[in-house]
Amino acid sequence: SQQRLTEMQTTRWEKQQPMGIGWKTLEIGDSQCVYHGGADPGYVSYLIAEPKQRLGVILMTNAAPSPERIESLGNDIMLELLTT
């Protein structure tokens, strides 16, 4: 049914299961962000967005830093954007 499809596509901002339609959710300050990242040998990418304020950060590299470092950098940049 249409109701069932809508329920499956609705992102829920729950701390217990921070995921919706392949996007993970993250609170930065008072803002609700969505993010997703990935890596293959020699490549790392990360995207974080704050939909209500129409802000986003995309990082892509062909170096080999750890995905966690790129995620942390993206989150730090988003925090800076949200607080300035």
C-alpha atoms as a PDB file:
ATOM      1  CA  SER A   1       0.000   0.000   0.000  1.00  0.00           C
ATOM      2  CA  GLN A   2       1.054   3.628  -0.360  1.00  0.00           C
ATOM      3  CA  GLN A   3       1.046   4.017   3.426  1.00  0.00           C
ATOM      4  CA  ARG A   4       3.457   1.102   3.800  1.00  0.00           C
ATOM      5  CA  LEU A   5       5.811   2.537   1.148  1.00  0.00           C
ATOM      6  CA  THR A   6       5.788   5.926   2.855  1.00  0.00           C
ATOM      7  CA  GLU A   7       6.594   4.322   6.212  1.00  0.00           C
ATOM      8  CA  MET A   8       9.570   2.482   4.700  1.00  0.00           C
ATOM      9  CA  GLN A   9      10.938   5.706   3.203  1.00  0.00           C
ATOM     10  CA  THR A  10      10.612   7.876   6.299  1.00  0.00           C
ATOM     11  CA  THR A  11      13.858   8.599   8.138  1.00  0.00           C
ATOM     12  CA  ARG A  12      13.399   8.267  11.856  1.00  0.00           C
ATOM     13  CA  TRP A  13      15.691  10.275  14.099  1.00  0.00           C
ATOM     14  CA  GLU A  14      16.211   7.599  16.723  1.00  0.00           C
ATOM     15  CA  LYS A  15      19.356   7.276  18.802  1.00  0.00           C
ATOM     16  CA  GLN A  16      19.003   3.479  19.051  1.00  0.00           C
ATOM     17  CA  GLN A  17      19.040   2.871  15.271  1.00  0.00           C
ATOM     18  CA  PRO A  18      20.552   5.918  13.530  1.00  0.00           C
ATOM     19  CA  MET A  19      19.917   4.822   9.942  1.00  0.00           C
ATOM     20  CA  GLY A  20      17.391   5.625   7.231  1.00  0.00           C
ATOM     21  CA  ILE A  21      17.349   4.707   3.517  1.00  0.00           C
ATOM     22  CA  GLY A  22      21.084   3.931   3.560  1.00  0.00           C
ATOM     23  CA  TRP A  23      21.934   7.215   5.282  1.00  0.00           C
ATOM     24  CA  LYS A  24      23.196   7.294   8.841  1.00  0.00           C
ATOM     25  CA  THR A  25      21.977  10.078  11.105  1.00  0.00           C
ATOM     26  CA  LEU A  26      24.047  12.225  13.427  1.00  0.00           C
ATOM     27  CA  GLU A  27      23.288  15.103  15.778  1.00  0.00           C
ATOM     28  CA  ILE A  28      25.791  17.946  15.624  1.00  0.00           C
ATOM     29  CA  GLY A  29      24.802  20.530  18.209  1.00  0.00           C
ATOM     30  CA  ASP A  30      21.091  21.147  17.658  1.00  0.00           C
ATOM     31  CA  SER A  31      21.209  20.009  14.029  1.00  0.00           C
ATOM     32  CA  GLN A  32      20.162  16.666  12.547  1.00  0.00           C
ATOM     33  CA  CYS A  33      22.642  15.592   9.873  1.00  0.00           C
ATOM     34  CA  VAL A  34      22.731  12.654   7.486  1.00  0.00           C
ATOM     35  CA  TYR A  35      25.966  11.100   6.276  1.00  0.00           C
ATOM     36  CA  HIS A  36      27.440   8.247   4.288  1.00  0.00           C
ATOM     37  CA  GLY A  37      30.973   7.266   3.444  1.00  0.00           C
ATOM     38  CA  GLY A  38      32.907   4.533   1.765  1.00  0.00           C
ATOM     39  CA  ALA A  39      36.357   3.291   0.912  1.00  0.00           C
ATOM     40  CA  ASP A  40      38.222   1.037  -1.468  1.00  0.00           C
ATOM     41  CA  PRO A  41      41.980   0.479  -1.422  1.00  0.00           C
ATOM     42  CA  GLY A  42      43.510   3.886  -2.154  1.00  0.00           C
ATOM     43  CA  TYR A  43      40.213   5.814  -2.139  1.00  0.00           C
ATOM     44  CA  VAL A  44      38.019   7.287   0.584  1.00  0.00           C
ATOM     45  CA  SER A  45      34.848   9.383   0.279  1.00  0.00           C
ATOM     46  CA  TYR A  46      32.466  10.968   2.764  1.00  0.00           C
ATOM     47  CA  LEU A  47      29.354  13.119   2.499  1.00  0.00           C
ATOM     48  CA  ILE A  48      27.536  14.854   5.336  1.00  0.00           C
ATOM     49  CA  ALA A  49      24.513  17.140   4.951  1.00  0.00           C
ATOM     50  CA  GLU A  50      22.222  19.217   7.135  1.00  0.00           C
ATOM     51  CA  PRO A  51      19.027  19.313   5.051  1.00  0.00           C
ATOM     52  CA  LYS A  52      17.136  22.035   6.947  1.00  0.00           C
ATOM     53  CA  GLN A  53      19.947  24.558   6.503  1.00  0.00           C
ATOM     54  CA  ARG A  54      20.852  23.237   3.046  1.00  0.00           C
ATOM     55  CA  LEU A  55      24.479  22.670   4.027  1.00  0.00           C
ATOM     56  CA  GLY A  56      26.723  19.875   2.879  1.00  0.00           C
ATOM     57  CA  VAL A  57      30.323  18.696   2.869  1.00  0.00           C
ATOM     58  CA  ILE A  58      31.761  16.191   0.400  1.00  0.00           C
ATOM     59  CA  LEU A  59      35.279  14.821   0.765  1.00  0.00           C
ATOM     60  CA  MET A  60      36.936  12.543  -1.783  1.00  0.00           C
ATOM     61  CA  THR A  61      40.547  11.458  -1.842  1.00  0.00           C
ATOM     62  CA  ASN A  62      42.739   9.115  -3.809  1.00  0.00           C
ATOM     63  CA  ALA A  63      45.148   8.872  -0.894  1.00  0.00           C
ATOM     64  CA  ALA A  64      44.981   6.180   1.735  1.00  0.00           C
ATOM     65  CA  PRO A  65      43.967   7.856   5.004  1.00  0.00           C
ATOM     66  CA  SER A  66      41.730   5.881   7.282  1.00  0.00           C
ATOM     67  CA  PRO A  67      37.999   6.352   6.595  1.00  0.00           C
ATOM     68  CA  GLU A  68      37.608   7.394  10.237  1.00  0.00           C
ATOM     69  CA  ARG A  69      39.987  10.342   9.727  1.00  0.00           C
ATOM     70  CA  ILE A  70      38.044  11.533   6.678  1.00  0.00           C
ATOM     71  CA  GLU A  71      34.733  11.145   8.557  1.00  0.00           C
ATOM     72  CA  SER A  72      36.125  13.113  11.502  1.00  0.00           C
ATOM     73  CA  LEU A  73      37.365  15.869   9.171  1.00  0.00           C
ATOM     74  CA  GLY A  74      33.977  16.079   7.442  1.00  0.00           C
ATOM     75  CA  ASN A  75      32.184  16.308  10.776  1.00  0.00           C
ATOM     76  CA  ASP A  76      34.580  19.018  11.985  1.00  0.00           C
ATOM     77  CA  ILE A  77      33.966  21.056   8.822  1.00  0.00           C
ATOM     78  CA  MET A  78      30.199  20.662   9.219  1.00  0.00           C
ATOM     79  CA  LEU A  79      30.414  21.779  12.856  1.00  0.00           C
ATOM     80  CA  GLU A  80      32.333  24.866  11.737  1.00  0.00           C
ATOM     81  CA  LEU A  81      29.706  25.636   9.080  1.00  0.00           C
ATOM     82  CA  LEU A  82      26.881  25.231  11.589  1.00  0.00           C
ATOM     83  CA  THR A  83      28.469  27.490  14.205  1.00  0.00           C
ATOM     84  CA  THR A  84      29.574  30.403  12.006  1.00  0.00           C
END
